[in-house]
């Protein structure tokens, strides 16, 4: 992927999240993360690096200002667009925060697209469907105790076209051991820090067992202890630290599919 853009869309109105996400994906070819709960948005910022935060201000428990502050602690350079139906109520508070664009609800889709391009820029979108001579085909198993993380990764893989990925996930490492043998994935993607059975312990059970062995095992984790990173790397795993950008992972899967012959002609 060349010059890909990633946006996080946050609004407690599901319809707004879906409409904004559709515009970003279909018209601008952005990769999109989304959350209808502010706490979910903060979790996303701890897992993924992104270019643009599009956020409502009036939300329960944490308002948009609190979310912006927490996100910028992790990602200080992120661009921010505010979409609100209560601009008059928040005018004074908005004077004291860095916001790149304020849009009032309801908004014009064409104007919104132009604003996104001005704030975060365009995607250098390759016509990969025409350029590709092979379509990657693989089975991917995701093991992470955060369901939203699993769903986001699954959606990213399904959006990364052209491809024929079959993706399964579980939030329990003990189920991961079972699914490796039942689903027989080509790629295993897992976190380290999980309750009961940890990711590195799960990997050892899989590695030492007599069942299926994934071709590539990828750790995606916020655990940065040198001993753990070194151990898993020496075991043959690819280690990706959270928060991370999704494009290198998508490209890694594509490259490995070609390397292992997991592709079919166009």
C-alpha atoms as a PDB file:
ATOM      1  CA  UNK A   1       0.000   0.000   0.000  1.00  0.00           C
ATOM      2  CA  UNK A   2       1.312   3.422  -0.967  1.00  0.00           C
ATOM      3  CA  UNK A   3       0.469   6.481   1.128  1.00  0.00           C
ATOM      4  CA  UNK A   4      -2.512   4.807   2.782  1.00  0.00           C
ATOM      5  CA  UNK A   5      -4.664   6.879   5.157  1.00  0.00           C
ATOM      6  CA  UNK A   6      -6.393   5.580   8.278  1.00  0.00           C
ATOM      7  CA  UNK A   7      -9.239   7.294  10.143  1.00  0.00           C
ATOM      8  CA  UNK A   8     -10.930   6.630  13.468  1.00  0.00           C
ATOM      9  CA  UNK A   9     -14.610   7.629  13.499  1.00  0.00           C
ATOM     10  CA  UNK A  10     -16.254   8.127  16.912  1.00  0.00           C
ATOM     11  CA  UNK A  11     -19.916   8.964  17.515  1.00  0.00           C
ATOM     12  CA  UNK A  12     -22.530   7.480  19.827  1.00  0.00           C
ATOM     13  CA  UNK A  13     -24.999   7.583  16.915  1.00  0.00           C
ATOM     14  CA  UNK A  14     -24.440   4.375  14.947  1.00  0.00           C
ATOM     15  CA  UNK A  15     -26.004   5.856  11.795  1.00  0.00           C
ATOM     16  CA  UNK A  16     -23.473   8.710  11.765  1.00  0.00           C
ATOM     17  CA  UNK A  17     -20.562   6.311  12.222  1.00  0.00           C
ATOM     18  CA  UNK A  18     -21.796   4.138   9.352  1.00  0.00           C
ATOM     19  CA  UNK A  19     -22.440   7.031   6.948  1.00  0.00           C
ATOM     20  CA  UNK A  20     -19.079   8.710   7.656  1.00  0.00           C
ATOM     21  CA  UNK A  21     -17.251   5.387   7.399  1.00  0.00           C
ATOM     22  CA  UNK A  22     -18.900   4.613   4.050  1.00  0.00           C
ATOM     23  CA  UNK A  23     -17.851   7.993   2.637  1.00  0.00           C
ATOM     24  CA  UNK A  24     -14.272   7.486   3.764  1.00  0.00           C
ATOM     25  CA  UNK A  25     -14.055   3.964   2.367  1.00  0.00           C
ATOM     26  CA  UNK A  26     -15.935   4.276  -0.902  1.00  0.00           C
ATOM     27  CA  UNK A  27     -15.070   7.814  -1.974  1.00  0.00           C
ATOM     28  CA  UNK A  28     -11.597   8.257  -0.464  1.00  0.00           C
ATOM     29  CA  UNK A  29     -10.311   4.659  -0.077  1.00  0.00           C
ATOM     30  CA  UNK A  30      -9.424   5.273   3.575  1.00  0.00           C
ATOM     31  CA  UNK A  31      -9.003   2.411   5.998  1.00  0.00           C
ATOM     32  CA  UNK A  32     -11.476   3.030   8.804  1.00  0.00           C
ATOM     33  CA  UNK A  33     -11.643   2.223  12.500  1.00  0.00           C
ATOM     34  CA  UNK A  34     -14.894   3.048  14.271  1.00  0.00           C
ATOM     35  CA  UNK A  35     -16.387   3.217  17.740  1.00  0.00           C
ATOM     36  CA  UNK A  36     -19.844   4.084  19.081  1.00  0.00           C
ATOM     37  CA  UNK A  37     -18.562   4.299  22.645  1.00  0.00           C
ATOM     38  CA  UNK A  38     -15.871   6.791  23.706  1.00  0.00           C
ATOM     39  CA  UNK A  39     -14.035   4.191  25.777  1.00  0.00           C
ATOM     40  CA  UNK A  40     -13.766   2.064  22.661  1.00  0.00           C
ATOM     41  CA  UNK A  41     -12.118   4.949  20.838  1.00  0.00           C
ATOM     42  CA  UNK A  42      -9.467   5.246  23.561  1.00  0.00           C
ATOM     43  CA  UNK A  43      -8.812   1.507  23.304  1.00  0.00           C
ATOM     44  CA  UNK A  44      -8.429   1.848  19.511  1.00  0.00           C
ATOM     45  CA  UNK A  45      -5.777   4.532  20.012  1.00  0.00           C
ATOM     46  CA  UNK A  46      -3.831   2.146  22.225  1.00  0.00           C
ATOM     47  CA  UNK A  47      -3.890  -0.534  19.516  1.00  0.00           C
ATOM     48  CA  UNK A  48      -3.656   1.311  16.189  1.00  0.00           C
ATOM     49  CA  UNK A  49      -1.858   4.309  14.743  1.00  0.00           C
ATOM     50  CA  UNK A  50      -4.041   6.467  12.493  1.00  0.00           C
ATOM     51  CA  UNK A  51      -3.927   9.759  10.595  1.00  0.00           C
ATOM     52  CA  UNK A  52      -7.312  11.293  11.324  1.00  0.00           C
ATOM     53  CA  UNK A  53      -9.722  11.343  14.267  1.00  0.00           C
ATOM     54  CA  UNK A  54     -13.327  12.261  13.377  1.00  0.00           C
ATOM     55  CA  UNK A  55     -15.296  12.722  16.568  1.00  0.00           C
ATOM     56  CA  UNK A  56     -18.570  13.924  18.055  1.00  0.00           C
ATOM     57  CA  UNK A  57     -18.419  16.052  21.212  1.00  0.00           C
ATOM     58  CA  UNK A  58     -21.619  15.144  23.067  1.00  0.00           C
ATOM     59  CA  UNK A  59     -21.258  11.529  24.231  1.00  0.00           C
ATOM     60  CA  UNK A  60     -21.981   9.651  27.469  1.00  0.00           C
ATOM     61  CA  UNK A  61     -19.354   9.005  30.172  1.00  0.00           C
ATOM     62  CA  UNK A  62     -16.459  10.559  28.222  1.00  0.00           C
ATOM     63  CA  UNK A  63     -17.131  13.555  26.010  1.00  0.00           C
ATOM     64  CA  UNK A  64     -15.257  14.305  22.798  1.00  0.00           C
ATOM     65  CA  UNK A  65     -12.825  16.660  24.546  1.00  0.00           C
ATOM     66  CA  UNK A  66     -11.766  13.958  26.998  1.00  0.00           C
ATOM     67  CA  UNK A  67     -11.333  11.441  24.193  1.00  0.00           C
ATOM     68  CA  UNK A  68      -9.216  13.907  22.187  1.00  0.00           C
ATOM     69  CA  UNK A  69      -6.965  14.478  25.204  1.00  0.00           C
ATOM     70  CA  UNK A  70      -6.491  10.753  25.833  1.00  0.00           C
ATOM     71  CA  UNK A  71      -5.879   9.972  22.157  1.00  0.00           C
ATOM     72  CA  UNK A  72      -3.303  12.749  21.825  1.00  0.00           C
ATOM     73  CA  UNK A  73      -1.351  11.383  24.770  1.00  0.00           C
ATOM     74  CA  UNK A  74      -0.689   8.341  22.576  1.00  0.00           C
ATOM     75  CA  UNK A  75      -0.708  10.060  19.183  1.00  0.00           C
ATOM     76  CA  UNK A  76       0.081  13.788  19.556  1.00  0.00           C
ATOM     77  CA  UNK A  77       0.297  14.545  15.828  1.00  0.00           C
ATOM     78  CA  UNK A  78      -3.076  13.082  14.817  1.00  0.00           C
ATOM     79  CA  UNK A  79      -5.381  15.386  12.824  1.00  0.00           C
ATOM     80  CA  UNK A  80      -8.826  16.032  14.350  1.00  0.00           C
ATOM     81  CA  UNK A  81     -12.172  16.825  12.745  1.00  0.00           C
ATOM     82  CA  UNK A  82     -15.139  17.522  15.022  1.00  0.00           C
ATOM     83  CA  UNK A  83     -18.682  16.756  13.865  1.00  0.00           C
ATOM     84  CA  UNK A  84     -21.299  18.231  16.200  1.00  0.00           C
ATOM     85  CA  UNK A  85     -24.899  19.303  16.353  1.00  0.00           C
ATOM     86  CA  UNK A  86     -24.241  21.428  19.439  1.00  0.00           C
ATOM     87  CA  UNK A  87     -21.668  23.913  18.201  1.00  0.00           C
ATOM     88  CA  UNK A  88     -23.068  26.886  20.166  1.00  0.00           C
ATOM     89  CA  UNK A  89     -22.871  24.939  23.421  1.00  0.00           C
ATOM     90  CA  UNK A  90     -19.205  24.032  22.880  1.00  0.00           C
ATOM     91  CA  UNK A  91     -17.819  27.173  21.200  1.00  0.00           C
ATOM     92  CA  UNK A  92     -15.936  28.399  24.246  1.00  0.00           C
ATOM     93  CA  UNK A  93     -14.346  25.027  25.016  1.00  0.00           C
ATOM     94  CA  UNK A  94     -13.319  24.577  21.376  1.00  0.00           C
ATOM     95  CA  UNK A  95     -11.239  27.767  21.579  1.00  0.00           C
ATOM     96  CA  UNK A  96      -8.861  25.991  23.964  1.00  0.00           C
ATOM     97  CA  UNK A  97      -8.178  22.784  22.001  1.00  0.00           C
ATOM     98  CA  UNK A  98      -6.396  22.086  18.727  1.00  0.00           C
ATOM     99  CA  UNK A  99      -8.987  21.074  16.158  1.00  0.00           C
ATOM    100  CA  UNK A 100      -8.269  21.040  12.429  1.00  0.00           C
ATOM    101  CA  UNK A 101     -11.889  21.320  11.230  1.00  0.00           C
ATOM    102  CA  UNK A 102     -15.332  21.744  12.809  1.00  0.00           C
ATOM    103  CA  UNK A 103     -18.376  20.462  10.890  1.00  0.00           C
ATOM    104  CA  UNK A 104     -21.957  21.016  11.980  1.00  0.00           C
ATOM    105  CA  UNK A 105     -24.610  18.314  11.752  1.00  0.00           C
ATOM    106  CA  UNK A 106     -26.328  17.693   9.417  1.00  0.00           C
ATOM    107  CA  UNK A 107     -23.441  17.940   6.959  1.00  0.00           C
ATOM    108  CA  UNK A 108     -23.115  17.873   3.189  1.00  0.00           C
ATOM    109  CA  UNK A 109     -21.297  14.698   2.009  1.00  0.00           C
ATOM    110  CA  UNK A 110     -19.472  16.454  -0.830  1.00  0.00           C
ATOM    111  CA  UNK A 111     -18.306  19.222   1.475  1.00  0.00           C
ATOM    112  CA  UNK A 112     -17.237  16.644   4.054  1.00  0.00           C
ATOM    113  CA  UNK A 113     -15.064  14.811   1.495  1.00  0.00           C
ATOM    114  CA  UNK A 114     -13.360  18.077   0.509  1.00  0.00           C
ATOM    115  CA  UNK A 115     -12.723  18.896   4.176  1.00  0.00           C
ATOM    116  CA  UNK A 116     -11.134  15.470   4.797  1.00  0.00           C
ATOM    117  CA  UNK A 117      -8.830  15.935   1.818  1.00  0.00           C
ATOM    118  CA  UNK A 118      -7.773  19.375   3.056  1.00  0.00           C
ATOM    119  CA  UNK A 119      -7.120  18.152   6.596  1.00  0.00           C
ATOM    120  CA  UNK A 120      -5.586  14.686   6.106  1.00  0.00           C
ATOM    121  CA  UNK A 121      -4.851  14.356   2.402  1.00  0.00           C
ATOM    122  CA  UNK A 122      -5.658  11.856  -0.300  1.00  0.00           C
ATOM    123  CA  UNK A 123      -4.782   8.195  -0.636  1.00  0.00           C
ATOM    124  CA  UNK A 124      -2.423   7.225  -3.424  1.00  0.00           C
ATOM    125  CA  UNK A 125      -4.769   4.411  -4.399  1.00  0.00           C
ATOM    126  CA  UNK A 126      -3.225   1.760  -6.660  1.00  0.00           C
ATOM    127  CA  UNK A 127      -5.564  -0.109  -8.979  1.00  0.00           C
ATOM    128  CA  UNK A 128      -4.333  -3.360  -7.525  1.00  0.00           C
ATOM    129  CA  UNK A 129      -7.136  -5.393  -9.091  1.00  0.00           C
ATOM    130  CA  UNK A 130      -5.697  -4.585 -12.527  1.00  0.00           C
ATOM    131  CA  UNK A 131      -2.043  -4.688 -11.512  1.00  0.00           C
ATOM    132  CA  UNK A 132      -2.204  -8.001  -9.629  1.00  0.00           C
ATOM    133  CA  UNK A 133      -1.389 -11.251 -11.361  1.00  0.00           C
ATOM    134  CA  UNK A 134      -2.127 -13.332  -8.253  1.00  0.00           C
ATOM    135  CA  UNK A 135      -4.829 -13.181  -5.609  1.00  0.00           C
ATOM    136  CA  UNK A 136      -3.696 -14.183  -2.083  1.00  0.00           C
ATOM    137  CA  UNK A 137      -5.779 -16.983  -0.582  1.00  0.00           C
ATOM    138  CA  UNK A 138      -5.224 -17.884   3.057  1.00  0.00           C
ATOM    139  CA  UNK A 139      -6.851 -18.844   6.324  1.00  0.00           C
ATOM    140  CA  UNK A 140      -6.122 -16.464   9.211  1.00  0.00           C
ATOM    141  CA  UNK A 141      -6.802 -17.086  12.908  1.00  0.00           C
ATOM    142  CA  UNK A 142      -6.803 -14.124  15.333  1.00  0.00           C
ATOM    143  CA  UNK A 143      -6.516 -14.700  19.088  1.00  0.00           C
ATOM    144  CA  UNK A 144      -6.957 -11.639  21.310  1.00  0.00           C
ATOM    145  CA  UNK A 145      -8.995 -11.142  24.467  1.00  0.00           C
ATOM    146  CA  UNK A 146     -10.320  -7.813  23.112  1.00  0.00           C
ATOM    147  CA  UNK A 147     -13.208  -8.607  20.775  1.00  0.00           C
ATOM    148  CA  UNK A 148     -13.047  -5.182  19.094  1.00  0.00           C
ATOM    149  CA  UNK A 149      -9.401  -5.813  18.212  1.00  0.00           C
ATOM    150  CA  UNK A 150     -10.357  -9.138  16.627  1.00  0.00           C
ATOM    151  CA  UNK A 151     -13.213  -7.585  14.671  1.00  0.00           C
ATOM    152  CA  UNK A 152     -11.064  -4.682  13.454  1.00  0.00           C
ATOM    153  CA  UNK A 153      -8.342  -6.987  12.173  1.00  0.00           C
ATOM    154  CA  UNK A 154     -10.925  -9.216  10.488  1.00  0.00           C
ATOM    155  CA  UNK A 155     -12.509  -6.205   8.776  1.00  0.00           C
ATOM    156  CA  UNK A 156      -9.116  -4.906   7.616  1.00  0.00           C
ATOM    157  CA  UNK A 157      -8.295  -8.247   6.020  1.00  0.00           C
ATOM    158  CA  UNK A 158     -11.677  -8.420   4.299  1.00  0.00           C
ATOM    159  CA  UNK A 159     -11.303  -4.857   2.981  1.00  0.00           C
ATOM    160  CA  UNK A 160      -7.794  -5.528   1.638  1.00  0.00           C
ATOM    161  CA  UNK A 161      -8.734  -6.450  -1.925  1.00  0.00           C
ATOM    162  CA  UNK A 162      -8.215  -8.308  -4.163  1.00  0.00           C
ATOM    163  CA  UNK A 163      -7.884 -11.254  -1.789  1.00  0.00           C
ATOM    164  CA  UNK A 164      -9.646 -14.397  -0.669  1.00  0.00           C
ATOM    165  CA  UNK A 165      -9.006 -14.546   3.054  1.00  0.00           C
ATOM    166  CA  UNK A 166     -11.007 -16.701   5.426  1.00  0.00           C
ATOM    167  CA  UNK A 167     -10.750 -15.206   8.901  1.00  0.00           C
ATOM    168  CA  UNK A 168     -11.744 -16.704  12.246  1.00  0.00           C
ATOM    169  CA  UNK A 169     -11.131 -15.275  15.707  1.00  0.00           C
ATOM    170  CA  UNK A 170     -11.456 -16.100  19.367  1.00  0.00           C
ATOM    171  CA  UNK A 171     -10.998 -14.097  22.563  1.00  0.00           C
ATOM    172  CA  UNK A 172      -9.670 -17.106  24.534  1.00  0.00           C
ATOM    173  CA  UNK A 173      -6.191 -18.561  24.119  1.00  0.00           C
ATOM    174  CA  UNK A 174      -7.390 -22.019  25.159  1.00  0.00           C
ATOM    175  CA  UNK A 175      -9.885 -21.921  22.274  1.00  0.00           C
ATOM    176  CA  UNK A 176      -7.038 -20.769  20.050  1.00  0.00           C
ATOM    177  CA  UNK A 177      -5.285 -24.115  20.595  1.00  0.00           C
ATOM    178  CA  UNK A 178      -8.437 -25.962  19.564  1.00  0.00           C
ATOM    179  CA  UNK A 179      -9.133 -23.763  16.542  1.00  0.00           C
ATOM    180  CA  UNK A 180      -5.588 -24.150  15.211  1.00  0.00           C
ATOM    181  CA  UNK A 181      -6.306 -27.868  14.806  1.00  0.00           C
ATOM    182  CA  UNK A 182      -9.903 -27.500  13.606  1.00  0.00           C
ATOM    183  CA  UNK A 183      -9.530 -24.470  11.307  1.00  0.00           C
ATOM    184  CA  UNK A 184      -5.911 -25.205  10.239  1.00  0.00           C
ATOM    185  CA  UNK A 185      -4.910 -21.573   9.635  1.00  0.00           C
ATOM    186  CA  UNK A 186      -1.997 -20.527   7.454  1.00  0.00           C
ATOM    187  CA  UNK A 187      -1.459 -17.463   9.676  1.00  0.00           C
ATOM    188  CA  UNK A 188      -1.827 -17.205  13.450  1.00  0.00           C
ATOM    189  CA  UNK A 189      -2.060 -13.672  14.879  1.00  0.00           C
ATOM    190  CA  UNK A 190      -2.153 -13.409  18.667  1.00  0.00           C
ATOM    191  CA  UNK A 191      -1.658 -11.146  21.672  1.00  0.00           C
ATOM    192  CA  UNK A 192       0.591 -12.014  24.600  1.00  0.00           C
ATOM    193  CA  UNK A 193      -1.358 -10.610  27.543  1.00  0.00           C
ATOM    194  CA  UNK A 194      -4.536 -12.661  27.946  1.00  0.00           C
ATOM    195  CA  UNK A 195      -6.301 -14.121  30.998  1.00  0.00           C
ATOM    196  CA  UNK A 196      -5.829 -17.747  32.073  1.00  0.00           C
ATOM    197  CA  UNK A 197      -3.594 -18.962  29.225  1.00  0.00           C
ATOM    198  CA  UNK A 198      -1.203 -16.296  27.905  1.00  0.00           C
ATOM    199  CA  UNK A 199      -0.395 -15.945  24.227  1.00  0.00           C
ATOM    200  CA  UNK A 200       3.189 -17.188  24.544  1.00  0.00           C
ATOM    201  CA  UNK A 201       1.953 -20.190  26.541  1.00  0.00           C
ATOM    202  CA  UNK A 202      -0.662 -20.921  23.865  1.00  0.00           C
ATOM    203  CA  UNK A 203       2.052 -20.770  21.210  1.00  0.00           C
ATOM    204  CA  UNK A 204       4.177 -23.301  23.092  1.00  0.00           C
ATOM    205  CA  UNK A 205       1.232 -25.714  23.365  1.00  0.00           C
ATOM    206  CA  UNK A 206       0.646 -25.420  19.619  1.00  0.00           C
ATOM    207  CA  UNK A 207       4.346 -25.725  18.757  1.00  0.00           C
ATOM    208  CA  UNK A 208       4.979 -28.791  20.931  1.00  0.00           C
ATOM    209  CA  UNK A 209       1.721 -30.548  20.082  1.00  0.00           C
ATOM    210  CA  UNK A 210       1.123 -33.075  17.329  1.00  0.00           C
ATOM    211  CA  UNK A 211      -1.529 -31.028  15.575  1.00  0.00           C
ATOM    212  CA  UNK A 212      -1.545 -28.391  12.844  1.00  0.00           C
ATOM    213  CA  UNK A 213       1.264 -25.817  12.663  1.00  0.00           C
ATOM    214  CA  UNK A 214       0.518 -22.404  11.076  1.00  0.00           C
ATOM    215  CA  UNK A 215       3.006 -21.327   8.413  1.00  0.00           C
ATOM    216  CA  UNK A 216       3.491 -17.889  10.008  1.00  0.00           C
ATOM    217  CA  UNK A 217       2.854 -16.810  13.610  1.00  0.00           C
ATOM    218  CA  UNK A 218       2.570 -13.082  14.325  1.00  0.00           C
ATOM    219  CA  UNK A 219       2.503 -11.482  17.770  1.00  0.00           C
ATOM    220  CA  UNK A 220       0.586  -8.193  17.969  1.00  0.00           C
ATOM    221  CA  UNK A 221       0.962  -6.947  21.528  1.00  0.00           C
ATOM    222  CA  UNK A 222       1.510  -3.982  23.822  1.00  0.00           C
ATOM    223  CA  UNK A 223       3.948  -6.122  25.829  1.00  0.00           C
ATOM    224  CA  UNK A 224       7.413  -4.688  25.153  1.00  0.00           C
ATOM    225  CA  UNK A 225       9.517  -6.507  27.764  1.00  0.00           C
ATOM    226  CA  UNK A 226      12.803  -7.288  25.968  1.00  0.00           C
ATOM    227  CA  UNK A 227      12.875 -10.851  27.283  1.00  0.00           C
ATOM    228  CA  UNK A 228       9.443 -11.629  25.839  1.00  0.00           C
ATOM    229  CA  UNK A 229      10.157  -9.928  22.511  1.00  0.00           C
ATOM    230  CA  UNK A 230      13.475 -11.751  22.151  1.00  0.00           C
ATOM    231  CA  UNK A 231      11.977 -15.091  23.181  1.00  0.00           C
ATOM    232  CA  UNK A 232       9.118 -14.937  20.671  1.00  0.00           C
ATOM    233  CA  UNK A 233      11.403 -13.667  17.896  1.00  0.00           C
ATOM    234  CA  UNK A 234      13.844 -16.515  18.476  1.00  0.00           C
ATOM    235  CA  UNK A 235      10.889 -18.902  18.382  1.00  0.00           C
ATOM    236  CA  UNK A 236      10.286 -17.735  14.827  1.00  0.00           C
ATOM    237  CA  UNK A 237       7.410 -15.322  15.396  1.00  0.00           C
ATOM    238  CA  UNK A 238       7.033 -11.898  13.813  1.00  0.00           C
ATOM    239  CA  UNK A 239       6.634  -9.384  16.684  1.00  0.00           C
ATOM    240  CA  UNK A 240       4.558  -6.227  16.156  1.00  0.00           C
ATOM    241  CA  UNK A 241       4.212  -3.738  19.002  1.00  0.00           C
ATOM    242  CA  UNK A 242       0.952  -1.905  19.705  1.00  0.00           C
ATOM    243  CA  UNK A 243       0.018   0.736  18.741  1.00  0.00           C
ATOM    244  CA  UNK A 244       0.851  -0.060  15.140  1.00  0.00           C
ATOM    245  CA  UNK A 245      -0.105   0.853  11.581  1.00  0.00           C
ATOM    246  CA  UNK A 246      -2.072  -1.841   9.821  1.00  0.00           C
ATOM    247  CA  UNK A 247      -0.524  -1.500   6.329  1.00  0.00           C
ATOM    248  CA  UNK A 248       2.753  -3.373   7.062  1.00  0.00           C
ATOM    249  CA  UNK A 249       0.772  -6.297   8.494  1.00  0.00           C
ATOM    250  CA  UNK A 250      -1.482  -6.446   5.430  1.00  0.00           C
ATOM    251  CA  UNK A 251       1.562  -6.342   3.163  1.00  0.00           C
ATOM    252  CA  UNK A 252       3.333  -9.030   5.201  1.00  0.00           C
ATOM    253  CA  UNK A 253       0.371 -11.376   4.751  1.00  0.00           C
ATOM    254  CA  UNK A 254       0.329 -10.697   0.995  1.00  0.00           C
ATOM    255  CA  UNK A 255       4.078 -11.265   0.653  1.00  0.00           C
ATOM    256  CA  UNK A 256       3.986 -14.502   2.632  1.00  0.00           C
ATOM    257  CA  UNK A 257       1.055 -15.777   0.569  1.00  0.00           C
ATOM    258  CA  UNK A 258       3.158 -15.367  -2.569  1.00  0.00           C
ATOM    259  CA  UNK A 259       6.195 -16.918  -0.869  1.00  0.00           C
ATOM    260  CA  UNK A 260       4.262 -20.017   0.197  1.00  0.00           C
ATOM    261  CA  UNK A 261       2.197 -20.356  -2.971  1.00  0.00           C
ATOM    262  CA  UNK A 262      -1.030 -19.351  -1.220  1.00  0.00           C
ATOM    263  CA  UNK A 263      -2.362 -17.486  -4.236  1.00  0.00           C
ATOM    264  CA  UNK A 264      -4.260 -18.129  -7.418  1.00  0.00           C
ATOM    265  CA  UNK A 265      -3.975 -16.473 -10.846  1.00  0.00           C
ATOM    266  CA  UNK A 266      -6.285 -13.569 -11.604  1.00  0.00           C
END
